[in-house]
Amino acid sequence: MQDDHDPAAARRAYETVDIDGWTERFALLADPTRLRLLLCLHYMPGLNVGQIANVTEVSPTVVSQSLRRPRGNGWVVSEKDGREQIYRLADERLHAMLHAIGARHSGE
């Protein structure tokens, strides 16, 4: 007979989950400005700081500072396009989370 209250079984239920990574992702999404920036990049990848600032109505400095943490974690990447850095989401789990809260892509 299986013991439904087996602590070892309960422990196995969370040992395979990247708890630190998910905690960081949830913290990332908990900041309203950062969430707006990520939703903007989700909808339309390939924008530069000025374009993101224009769309989200925050200063370019705030955009750069707010994207520093997700870039450092590899969740957002930037690429040089001439003199501009363009940004896009790189983390598929973050991408899936944005879909789960109702985010769409351009053209949908």
N, C-alpha and C. Protein backbone atom coordinates (compact mmCIF):
# COMPACT_ATOMS: atom_id res chain seq x y z
N MET A 1 0.84 -1.19 0.00
CA MET A 1 0.00 0.00 0.00
C MET A 1 0.89 1.25 0.00
N GLN A 2 0.55 2.21 -0.85
CA GLN A 2 1.33 3.44 -0.96
C GLN A 2 0.95 4.40 0.16
N ASP A 3 1.96 4.98 0.79
CA ASP A 3 1.72 5.97 1.83
C ASP A 3 1.60 7.34 1.18
N ASP A 4 0.38 7.92 1.19
CA ASP A 4 0.14 9.22 0.55
C ASP A 4 0.84 10.37 1.26
N HIS A 5 1.35 10.10 2.43
CA HIS A 5 2.01 11.16 3.20
C HIS A 5 3.49 10.88 3.38
N ASP A 6 4.09 10.26 2.40
CA ASP A 6 5.50 9.91 2.43
C ASP A 6 6.34 11.16 2.14
N PRO A 7 7.10 11.64 3.13
CA PRO A 7 7.91 12.84 2.91
C PRO A 7 8.91 12.70 1.78
N ALA A 8 9.47 11.52 1.61
CA ALA A 8 10.44 11.32 0.52
C ALA A 8 9.77 11.47 -0.84
N ALA A 9 8.55 10.99 -0.97
CA ALA A 9 7.82 11.13 -2.24
C ALA A 9 7.51 12.60 -2.50
N ALA A 10 7.12 13.30 -1.47
CA ALA A 10 6.83 14.73 -1.63
C ALA A 10 8.09 15.49 -2.02
N ARG A 11 9.22 15.11 -1.44
CA ARG A 11 10.49 15.76 -1.76
C ARG A 11 10.86 15.53 -3.23
N ARG A 12 10.63 14.32 -3.71
CA ARG A 12 10.93 14.01 -5.12
C ARG A 12 10.09 14.88 -6.06
N ALA A 13 8.92 15.29 -5.61
CA ALA A 13 8.04 16.11 -6.45
C ALA A 13 8.65 17.47 -6.75
N TYR A 14 9.50 17.97 -5.89
CA TYR A 14 10.10 19.29 -6.15
C TYR A 14 11.59 19.26 -6.44
N GLU A 15 12.22 18.13 -6.21
CA GLU A 15 13.67 18.07 -6.44
C GLU A 15 14.06 18.26 -7.90
N THR A 16 13.18 17.93 -8.82
CA THR A 16 13.50 18.05 -10.24
C THR A 16 13.18 19.42 -10.80
N VAL A 17 12.61 20.30 -10.00
CA VAL A 17 12.24 21.64 -10.44
C VAL A 17 13.37 22.61 -10.12
N ASP A 18 13.68 23.47 -11.05
CA ASP A 18 14.70 24.51 -10.85
C ASP A 18 14.10 25.62 -9.98
N ILE A 19 14.06 25.39 -8.69
CA ILE A 19 13.39 26.32 -7.78
C ILE A 19 14.02 27.70 -7.83
N ASP A 20 15.35 27.78 -7.80
CA ASP A 20 16.01 29.09 -7.83
C ASP A 20 15.71 29.81 -9.15
N GLY A 21 15.77 29.09 -10.25
CA GLY A 21 15.49 29.70 -11.55
C GLY A 21 14.06 30.21 -11.66
N TRP A 22 13.10 29.40 -11.19
CA TRP A 22 11.70 29.83 -11.26
C TRP A 22 11.43 30.99 -10.32
N THR A 23 12.05 30.98 -9.15
CA THR A 23 11.89 32.10 -8.21
C THR A 23 12.39 33.39 -8.86
N GLU A 24 13.52 33.30 -9.54
CA GLU A 24 14.08 34.46 -10.23
C GLU A 24 13.15 34.93 -11.35
N ARG A 25 12.60 34.00 -12.11
CA ARG A 25 11.67 34.38 -13.19
C ARG A 25 10.43 35.07 -12.64
N PHE A 26 9.87 34.52 -11.56
CA PHE A 26 8.70 35.14 -10.97
C PHE A 26 9.03 36.53 -10.43
N ALA A 27 10.20 36.69 -9.83
CA ALA A 27 10.63 38.01 -9.35
C ALA A 27 10.78 38.97 -10.52
N LEU A 28 11.30 38.46 -11.61
CA LEU A 28 11.47 39.27 -12.82
C LEU A 28 10.12 39.80 -13.30
N LEU A 29 9.11 38.96 -13.28
CA LEU A 29 7.79 39.35 -13.75
C LEU A 29 7.01 40.17 -12.72
N ALA A 30 7.47 40.18 -11.48
CA ALA A 30 6.76 40.89 -10.42
C ALA A 30 6.94 42.40 -10.51
N ASP A 31 7.93 42.87 -11.25
CA ASP A 31 8.17 44.30 -11.42
C ASP A 31 7.32 44.78 -12.60
N PRO A 32 6.37 45.70 -12.37
CA PRO A 32 5.47 46.13 -13.45
C PRO A 32 6.17 46.73 -14.66
N THR A 33 7.21 47.51 -14.44
CA THR A 33 7.92 48.11 -15.58
C THR A 33 8.63 47.03 -16.38
N ARG A 34 9.32 46.15 -15.69
CA ARG A 34 10.04 45.08 -16.38
C ARG A 34 9.07 44.17 -17.13
N LEU A 35 7.93 43.87 -16.52
CA LEU A 35 6.93 43.04 -17.19
C LEU A 35 6.44 43.72 -18.47
N ARG A 36 6.22 45.02 -18.41
CA ARG A 36 5.80 45.77 -19.60
C ARG A 36 6.87 45.68 -20.70
N LEU A 37 8.13 45.80 -20.32
CA LEU A 37 9.21 45.71 -21.30
C LEU A 37 9.27 44.31 -21.93
N LEU A 38 9.15 43.29 -21.09
CA LEU A 38 9.19 41.91 -21.60
C LEU A 38 8.00 41.61 -22.50
N LEU A 39 6.84 42.12 -22.13
CA LEU A 39 5.66 41.94 -22.99
C LEU A 39 5.85 42.64 -24.33
N CYS A 40 6.47 43.79 -24.30
CA CYS A 40 6.77 44.53 -25.53
C CYS A 40 7.69 43.70 -26.42
N LEU A 41 8.74 43.14 -25.85
CA LEU A 41 9.68 42.32 -26.62
C LEU A 41 9.04 41.01 -27.08
N HIS A 42 8.13 40.50 -26.29
CA HIS A 42 7.42 39.29 -26.68
C HIS A 42 6.55 39.57 -27.90
N TYR A 43 5.85 40.69 -27.86
CA TYR A 43 4.96 41.04 -28.96
C TYR A 43 5.74 41.36 -30.23
N MET A 44 6.84 42.08 -30.05
CA MET A 44 7.61 42.52 -31.21
C MET A 44 9.10 42.44 -30.91
N PRO A 45 9.70 41.27 -31.12
CA PRO A 45 11.14 41.15 -30.89
C PRO A 45 11.93 41.98 -31.89
N GLY A 46 13.14 42.36 -31.49
CA GLY A 46 14.01 43.08 -32.41
C GLY A 46 13.93 44.59 -32.30
N LEU A 47 13.44 45.09 -31.17
CA LEU A 47 13.39 46.54 -30.97
C LEU A 47 14.65 47.02 -30.27
N ASN A 48 14.99 48.29 -30.50
CA ASN A 48 16.12 48.88 -29.78
C ASN A 48 15.60 49.61 -28.55
N VAL A 49 16.50 50.10 -27.72
CA VAL A 49 16.13 50.75 -26.47
C VAL A 49 15.17 51.92 -26.70
N GLY A 50 15.46 52.75 -27.69
CA GLY A 50 14.60 53.90 -27.96
C GLY A 50 13.20 53.48 -28.36
N GLN A 51 13.09 52.45 -29.18
CA GLN A 51 11.77 51.96 -29.59
C GLN A 51 11.01 51.36 -28.41
N ILE A 52 11.71 50.59 -27.59
CA ILE A 52 11.06 50.02 -26.41
C ILE A 52 10.59 51.12 -25.48
N ALA A 53 11.43 52.14 -25.29
CA ALA A 53 11.07 53.27 -24.43
C ALA A 53 9.85 53.99 -24.97
N ASN A 54 9.79 54.19 -26.27
CA ASN A 54 8.66 54.86 -26.89
C ASN A 54 7.37 54.08 -26.70
N VAL A 55 7.42 52.79 -26.94
CA VAL A 55 6.23 51.95 -26.82
C VAL A 55 5.75 51.88 -25.37
N THR A 56 6.66 51.69 -24.44
CA THR A 56 6.29 51.47 -23.04
C THR A 56 6.18 52.76 -22.23
N GLU A 57 6.55 53.88 -22.85
CA GLU A 57 6.47 55.19 -22.21
C GLU A 57 7.31 55.29 -20.94
N VAL A 58 8.52 54.72 -21.00
CA VAL A 58 9.50 54.90 -19.94
C VAL A 58 10.77 55.41 -20.60
N SER A 59 11.66 55.96 -19.82
CA SER A 59 12.87 56.54 -20.38
C SER A 59 13.81 55.45 -20.88
N PRO A 60 14.65 55.80 -21.87
CA PRO A 60 15.64 54.83 -22.33
C PRO A 60 16.56 54.33 -21.21
N THR A 61 16.86 55.20 -20.26
CA THR A 61 17.69 54.78 -19.13
C THR A 61 17.00 53.69 -18.32
N VAL A 62 15.70 53.86 -18.08
CA VAL A 62 14.94 52.85 -17.33
C VAL A 62 14.89 51.54 -18.12
N VAL A 63 14.72 51.63 -19.43
CA VAL A 63 14.72 50.42 -20.26
C VAL A 63 16.05 49.69 -20.10
N SER A 64 17.15 50.40 -20.27
CA SER A 64 18.47 49.77 -20.17
C SER A 64 18.69 49.15 -18.80
N GLN A 65 18.36 49.88 -17.75
CA GLN A 65 18.55 49.37 -16.39
C GLN A 65 17.65 48.18 -16.12
N SER A 66 16.41 48.23 -16.58
CA SER A 66 15.45 47.17 -16.32
C SER A 66 15.76 45.90 -17.10
N LEU A 67 16.43 46.02 -18.23
CA LEU A 67 16.77 44.84 -19.02
C LEU A 67 18.11 44.23 -18.60
N ARG A 68 18.83 44.92 -17.74
CA ARG A 68 20.15 44.42 -17.31
C ARG A 68 20.03 43.05 -16.64
N ARG A 69 19.10 42.91 -15.72
CA ARG A 69 18.95 41.65 -14.98
C ARG A 69 18.52 40.50 -15.90
N PRO A 70 17.49 40.66 -16.73
CA PRO A 70 17.15 39.55 -17.63
C PRO A 70 18.25 39.24 -18.64
N ARG A 71 19.01 40.24 -19.06
CA ARG A 71 20.14 39.97 -19.95
C ARG A 71 21.21 39.19 -19.23
N GLY A 72 21.49 39.56 -17.99
CA GLY A 72 22.50 38.86 -17.21
C GLY A 72 22.16 37.39 -16.98
N ASN A 73 20.87 37.09 -16.95
CA ASN A 73 20.43 35.71 -16.76
C ASN A 73 20.25 34.96 -18.08
N GLY A 74 20.48 35.65 -19.19
CA GLY A 74 20.33 35.01 -20.48
C GLY A 74 18.90 34.89 -20.96
N TRP A 75 17.98 35.60 -20.32
CA TRP A 75 16.56 35.53 -20.69
C TRP A 75 16.22 36.50 -21.81
N VAL A 76 17.03 37.54 -21.92
CA VAL A 76 16.92 38.51 -23.00
C VAL A 76 18.31 38.63 -23.60
N VAL A 77 18.37 38.68 -24.91
CA VAL A 77 19.67 38.86 -25.57
C VAL A 77 19.60 40.11 -26.44
N SER A 78 20.79 40.67 -26.68
CA SER A 78 20.86 41.83 -27.57
C SER A 78 21.88 41.53 -28.66
N GLU A 79 21.65 42.12 -29.80
CA GLU A 79 22.55 41.96 -30.94
C GLU A 79 22.77 43.33 -31.54
N LYS A 80 23.95 43.52 -32.03
CA LYS A 80 24.30 44.79 -32.67
C LYS A 80 23.67 44.85 -34.07
N ASP A 81 23.00 45.96 -34.34
CA ASP A 81 22.43 46.22 -35.66
C ASP A 81 22.86 47.63 -36.04
N GLY A 82 23.97 47.72 -36.75
CA GLY A 82 24.55 49.04 -37.02
C GLY A 82 25.05 49.63 -35.73
N ARG A 83 24.52 50.79 -35.37
CA ARG A 83 24.93 51.45 -34.13
C ARG A 83 23.99 51.13 -32.96
N GLU A 84 22.95 50.38 -33.22
CA GLU A 84 21.94 50.07 -32.19
C GLU A 84 22.06 48.64 -31.69
N GLN A 85 21.66 48.45 -30.46
CA GLN A 85 21.49 47.11 -29.90
C GLN A 85 20.01 46.78 -30.02
N ILE A 86 19.70 45.63 -30.58
CA ILE A 86 18.30 45.20 -30.64
C ILE A 86 18.12 44.04 -29.67
N TYR A 87 16.95 43.97 -29.08
CA TYR A 87 16.67 43.03 -28.01
C TYR A 87 15.59 42.03 -28.42
N ARG A 88 15.71 40.82 -27.84
CA ARG A 88 14.67 39.82 -28.01
C ARG A 88 14.72 38.87 -26.82
N LEU A 89 13.61 38.19 -26.57
CA LEU A 89 13.56 37.18 -25.52
C LEU A 89 14.35 35.96 -25.97
N ALA A 90 15.02 35.32 -25.03
CA ALA A 90 15.81 34.13 -25.36
C ALA A 90 15.43 32.92 -24.52
N ASP A 91 14.67 33.11 -23.47
CA ASP A 91 14.33 32.03 -22.56
C ASP A 91 12.94 31.49 -22.89
N GLU A 92 12.87 30.25 -23.33
CA GLU A 92 11.59 29.66 -23.74
C GLU A 92 10.62 29.50 -22.57
N ARG A 93 11.12 29.26 -21.36
CA ARG A 93 10.22 29.15 -20.21
C ARG A 93 9.59 30.49 -19.89
N LEU A 94 10.37 31.56 -19.99
CA LEU A 94 9.82 32.90 -19.81
C LEU A 94 8.81 33.21 -20.91
N HIS A 95 9.13 32.83 -22.12
CA HIS A 95 8.24 33.01 -23.26
C HIS A 95 6.90 32.30 -23.00
N ALA A 96 6.97 31.07 -22.52
CA ALA A 96 5.76 30.30 -22.21
C ALA A 96 4.96 30.94 -21.09
N MET A 97 5.65 31.49 -20.08
CA MET A 97 4.95 32.17 -18.99
C MET A 97 4.19 33.38 -19.51
N LEU A 98 4.79 34.12 -20.42
CA LEU A 98 4.11 35.29 -20.97
C LEU A 98 2.86 34.86 -21.76
N HIS A 99 2.95 33.75 -22.48
CA HIS A 99 1.77 33.23 -23.15
C HIS A 99 0.70 32.85 -22.13
N ALA A 100 1.13 32.25 -21.02
CA ALA A 100 0.18 31.80 -20.00
C ALA A 100 -0.60 32.96 -19.39
N ILE A 101 -0.02 34.17 -19.38
CA ILE A 101 -0.75 35.31 -18.83
C ILE A 101 -1.49 36.09 -19.92
N GLY A 102 -1.48 35.56 -21.16
CA GLY A 102 -2.27 36.17 -22.22
C GLY A 102 -1.51 36.97 -23.23
N ALA A 103 -0.18 36.94 -23.19
CA ALA A 103 0.61 37.72 -24.14
C ALA A 103 0.46 37.12 -25.54
N ARG A 104 0.48 38.01 -26.52
CA ARG A 104 0.37 37.60 -27.92
C ARG A 104 1.58 38.11 -28.69
N HIS A 105 1.71 37.63 -29.91
CA HIS A 105 2.74 38.10 -30.84
C HIS A 105 2.08 39.05 -31.84
N SER A 106 2.89 39.91 -32.46
CA SER A 106 2.32 40.78 -33.50
C SER A 106 1.76 39.90 -34.61
N GLY A 107 0.68 40.31 -35.17
CA GLY A 107 0.04 39.56 -36.24
C GLY A 107 -0.97 38.53 -35.74
N GLU A 108 -1.09 38.36 -34.44
CA GLU A 108 -2.07 37.40 -33.91
C GLU A 108 -3.40 38.05 -33.71
